[in-house]
Amino acid sequence: MPRSVFVKRVYDEPSPRDGLRILVDRLWPRGLSREAARVDRWMKELAPSTELRKWFNHDVDRWREFQERYATELDRNADLVGELIALLEKRRVTLLYGARDERHNQAIALQAYLRGYEADLKTRP
């Protein structure tokens, strides 16, 4: 994966440096118009399942297990993950999320998952 994947809160000011802006929330962010969000693509199928999202409930004590469960869901959605990786190979991508917690959210978990995927590719013979 030659280009890095960036993460940004969807409520933050859009920037030309964001590249392709992809929202990875299952629900549209509250109080934000589509024009203001300037989302290029909404990949809600890449977001954690409703069940996982509700279980996590932004409880930091569940963060590590949330990441593991989310990675399992992503593994089962290889086609869509592959589609995202193909986009990353072509241009800069910023994953957008709506949560208030900037360190414990699905975009951060997805970024880590993608970095692990990249590392996996580098170690294969």
C-alpha atoms as a PDB file:
ATOM      1  CA  MET A   1       0.000   0.000   0.000  1.00  0.00           C
ATOM      2  CA  PRO A   2       2.149   2.881  -1.239  1.00  0.00           C
ATOM      3  CA  ARG A   3       0.096   5.730   0.210  1.00  0.00           C
ATOM      4  CA  SER A   4      -0.662   6.329   3.850  1.00  0.00           C
ATOM      5  CA  VAL A   5      -4.176   6.343   5.187  1.00  0.00           C
ATOM      6  CA  PHE A   6      -5.140   9.345   7.300  1.00  0.00           C
ATOM      7  CA  VAL A   7      -7.891   9.782   9.868  1.00  0.00           C
ATOM      8  CA  LYS A   8      -9.954  12.866  10.602  1.00  0.00           C
ATOM      9  CA  ARG A   9     -13.133  13.751  12.440  1.00  0.00           C
ATOM     10  CA  VAL A  10     -15.848  14.506   9.879  1.00  0.00           C
ATOM     11  CA  TYR A  11     -16.798  17.649  11.822  1.00  0.00           C
ATOM     12  CA  ASP A  12     -13.306  19.122  11.311  1.00  0.00           C
ATOM     13  CA  GLU A  13     -12.738  21.547   8.463  1.00  0.00           C
ATOM     14  CA  PRO A  14     -12.233  19.746   5.124  1.00  0.00           C
ATOM     15  CA  SER A  15      -8.905  20.359   3.419  1.00  0.00           C
ATOM     16  CA  PRO A  16      -7.621  19.741  -0.113  1.00  0.00           C
ATOM     17  CA  ARG A  17      -4.811  17.766   1.577  1.00  0.00           C
ATOM     18  CA  ASP A  18      -7.388  15.189   2.756  1.00  0.00           C
ATOM     19  CA  GLY A  19      -7.447  13.577  -0.671  1.00  0.00           C
ATOM     20  CA  LEU A  20     -10.378  11.198  -1.054  1.00  0.00           C
ATOM     21  CA  ARG A  21     -12.636  11.683   1.978  1.00  0.00           C
ATOM     22  CA  ILE A  22     -14.307   8.409   3.000  1.00  0.00           C
ATOM     23  CA  LEU A  23     -16.834   8.267   5.823  1.00  0.00           C
ATOM     24  CA  VAL A  24     -16.615   4.941   7.687  1.00  0.00           C
ATOM     25  CA  ASP A  25     -19.568   5.390  10.044  1.00  0.00           C
ATOM     26  CA  ARG A  26     -22.681   3.249   9.754  1.00  0.00           C
ATOM     27  CA  LEU A  27     -24.840   6.276  10.642  1.00  0.00           C
ATOM     28  CA  TRP A  28     -24.647   9.732   9.087  1.00  0.00           C
ATOM     29  CA  PRO A  29     -23.122  12.222  11.591  1.00  0.00           C
ATOM     30  CA  ARG A  30     -25.704  14.219  13.520  1.00  0.00           C
ATOM     31  CA  GLY A  31     -26.298  17.812  12.570  1.00  0.00           C
ATOM     32  CA  LEU A  32     -23.965  17.752   9.582  1.00  0.00           C
ATOM     33  CA  SER A  33     -25.172  18.404   6.056  1.00  0.00           C
ATOM     34  CA  ARG A  34     -23.719  16.476   3.161  1.00  0.00           C
ATOM     35  CA  GLU A  35     -22.428  19.734   1.683  1.00  0.00           C
ATOM     36  CA  ALA A  36     -20.595  20.695   4.881  1.00  0.00           C
ATOM     37  CA  ALA A  37     -19.137  17.197   5.324  1.00  0.00           C
ATOM     38  CA  ARG A  38     -17.700  17.127   1.800  1.00  0.00           C
ATOM     39  CA  VAL A  39     -17.620  13.337   1.876  1.00  0.00           C
ATOM     40  CA  ASP A  40     -16.485  11.800  -1.403  1.00  0.00           C
ATOM     41  CA  ARG A  41     -17.641   8.339  -0.482  1.00  0.00           C
ATOM     42  CA  TRP A  42     -19.661   6.801   2.334  1.00  0.00           C
ATOM     43  CA  MET A  43     -18.486   3.234   2.940  1.00  0.00           C
ATOM     44  CA  LYS A  44     -20.897   2.411   5.753  1.00  0.00           C
ATOM     45  CA  GLU A  45     -20.497  -1.316   5.082  1.00  0.00           C
ATOM     46  CA  LEU A  46     -16.900  -0.962   6.352  1.00  0.00           C
ATOM     47  CA  ALA A  47     -18.144   0.389   9.683  1.00  0.00           C
ATOM     48  CA  PRO A  48     -18.514  -1.947  12.650  1.00  0.00           C
ATOM     49  CA  SER A  49     -21.793  -3.841  12.787  1.00  0.00           C
ATOM     50  CA  THR A  50     -24.602  -2.255  14.771  1.00  0.00           C
ATOM     51  CA  GLU A  51     -24.198  -4.979  17.395  1.00  0.00           C
ATOM     52  CA  LEU A  52     -20.469  -4.339  17.787  1.00  0.00           C
ATOM     53  CA  ARG A  53     -20.928  -0.578  17.833  1.00  0.00           C
ATOM     54  CA  LYS A  54     -23.560  -0.831  20.575  1.00  0.00           C
ATOM     55  CA  TRP A  55     -21.449  -3.313  22.559  1.00  0.00           C
ATOM     56  CA  PHE A  56     -18.382  -1.033  22.422  1.00  0.00           C
ATOM     57  CA  ASN A  57     -20.381   2.107  23.297  1.00  0.00           C
ATOM     58  CA  HIS A  58     -17.088   4.077  23.285  1.00  0.00           C
ATOM     59  CA  ASP A  59     -15.980   2.319  26.480  1.00  0.00           C
ATOM     60  CA  VAL A  60     -12.192   2.687  26.508  1.00  0.00           C
ATOM     61  CA  ASP A  61     -11.895  -0.447  28.661  1.00  0.00           C
ATOM     62  CA  ARG A  62     -13.330  -2.412  25.711  1.00  0.00           C
ATOM     63  CA  TRP A  63     -11.044  -0.818  23.113  1.00  0.00           C
ATOM     64  CA  ARG A  64      -8.628  -3.714  22.601  1.00  0.00           C
ATOM     65  CA  GLU A  65     -11.414  -6.272  22.302  1.00  0.00           C
ATOM     66  CA  PHE A  66     -13.355  -3.918  20.038  1.00  0.00           C
ATOM     67  CA  GLN A  67     -10.352  -3.750  17.692  1.00  0.00           C
ATOM     68  CA  GLU A  68     -10.109  -7.546  17.617  1.00  0.00           C
ATOM     69  CA  ARG A  69     -13.819  -8.035  16.968  1.00  0.00           C
ATOM     70  CA  TYR A  70     -13.828  -5.325  14.328  1.00  0.00           C
ATOM     71  CA  ALA A  71     -10.815  -6.905  12.595  1.00  0.00           C
ATOM     72  CA  THR A  72     -12.760 -10.185  12.458  1.00  0.00           C
ATOM     73  CA  GLU A  73     -15.656  -8.365  10.812  1.00  0.00           C
ATOM     74  CA  LEU A  74     -13.279  -6.743   8.330  1.00  0.00           C
ATOM     75  CA  ASP A  75     -11.721 -10.124   7.527  1.00  0.00           C
ATOM     76  CA  ARG A  76     -15.207 -11.334   6.585  1.00  0.00           C
ATOM     77  CA  ASN A  77     -15.649  -8.330   4.304  1.00  0.00           C
ATOM     78  CA  ALA A  78     -12.543  -8.872   2.177  1.00  0.00           C
ATOM     79  CA  ASP A  79     -14.099  -7.539  -1.041  1.00  0.00           C
ATOM     80  CA  LEU A  80     -14.863  -4.144   0.439  1.00  0.00           C
ATOM     81  CA  VAL A  81     -11.519  -3.982   2.245  1.00  0.00           C
ATOM     82  CA  GLY A  82      -9.892  -4.779  -1.104  1.00  0.00           C
ATOM     83  CA  GLU A  83     -11.839  -1.957  -2.706  1.00  0.00           C
ATOM     84  CA  LEU A  84     -10.530   0.452  -0.063  1.00  0.00           C
ATOM     85  CA  ILE A  85      -6.968  -0.801  -0.538  1.00  0.00           C
ATOM     86  CA  ALA A  86      -7.304  -0.259  -4.301  1.00  0.00           C
ATOM     87  CA  LEU A  87      -8.308   3.348  -3.625  1.00  0.00           C
ATOM     88  CA  LEU A  88      -5.326   3.775  -1.292  1.00  0.00           C
ATOM     89  CA  GLU A  89      -2.989   2.566  -4.014  1.00  0.00           C
ATOM     90  CA  LYS A  90      -4.190   5.337  -6.328  1.00  0.00           C
ATOM     91  CA  ARG A  91      -4.405   8.383  -4.080  1.00  0.00           C
ATOM     92  CA  ARG A  92      -4.313   9.855  -0.613  1.00  0.00           C
ATOM     93  CA  VAL A  93      -7.277   8.764   1.513  1.00  0.00           C
ATOM     94  CA  THR A  94      -8.663  10.214   4.732  1.00  0.00           C
ATOM     95  CA  LEU A  95     -11.014   8.045   6.766  1.00  0.00           C
ATOM     96  CA  LEU A  96     -13.715  10.127   8.407  1.00  0.00           C
ATOM     97  CA  TYR A  97     -15.567   9.369  11.642  1.00  0.00           C
ATOM     98  CA  GLY A  98     -18.097  11.194  13.791  1.00  0.00           C
ATOM     99  CA  ALA A  99     -17.175  10.068  17.318  1.00  0.00           C
ATOM    100  CA  ARG A 100     -15.916  12.596  19.853  1.00  0.00           C
ATOM    101  CA  ASP A 101     -13.097  10.338  21.035  1.00  0.00           C
ATOM    102  CA  GLU A 102     -10.217  10.942  18.655  1.00  0.00           C
ATOM    103  CA  ARG A 103      -8.176   7.952  19.850  1.00  0.00           C
ATOM    104  CA  HIS A 104     -10.789   5.210  20.236  1.00  0.00           C
ATOM    105  CA  ASN A 105     -13.022   4.981  17.186  1.00  0.00           C
ATOM    106  CA  GLN A 106     -13.586   2.755  14.176  1.00  0.00           C
ATOM    107  CA  ALA A 107     -11.493   4.908  11.810  1.00  0.00           C
ATOM    108  CA  ILE A 108      -8.444   4.532  14.070  1.00  0.00           C
ATOM    109  CA  ALA A 109      -9.121   0.782  14.323  1.00  0.00           C
ATOM    110  CA  LEU A 110      -9.507   0.525  10.537  1.00  0.00           C
ATOM    111  CA  GLN A 111      -6.282   2.468  10.008  1.00  0.00           C
ATOM    112  CA  ALA A 112      -4.452   0.031  12.314  1.00  0.00           C
ATOM    113  CA  TYR A 113      -6.034  -2.916  10.508  1.00  0.00           C
ATOM    114  CA  LEU A 114      -4.843  -1.580   7.145  1.00  0.00           C
ATOM    115  CA  ARG A 115      -1.336  -1.029   8.493  1.00  0.00           C
ATOM    116  CA  GLY A 116      -1.306  -4.616   9.746  1.00  0.00           C
ATOM    117  CA  TYR A 117      -2.459  -5.781   6.326  1.00  0.00           C
ATOM    118  CA  GLU A 118       0.356  -3.827   4.715  1.00  0.00           C
ATOM    119  CA  ALA A 119       2.916  -5.277   7.128  1.00  0.00           C
ATOM    120  CA  ASP A 120       1.586  -8.757   6.347  1.00  0.00           C
ATOM    121  CA  LEU A 121       2.172  -8.201   2.635  1.00  0.00           C
ATOM    122  CA  LYS A 122       5.753  -7.092   3.238  1.00  0.00           C
ATOM    123  CA  THR A 123       6.631 -10.256   5.165  1.00  0.00           C
ATOM    124  CA  ARG A 124       5.245 -12.695   2.623  1.00  0.00           C
ATOM    125  CA  PRO A 125       7.804 -14.468   0.419  1.00  0.00           C
END
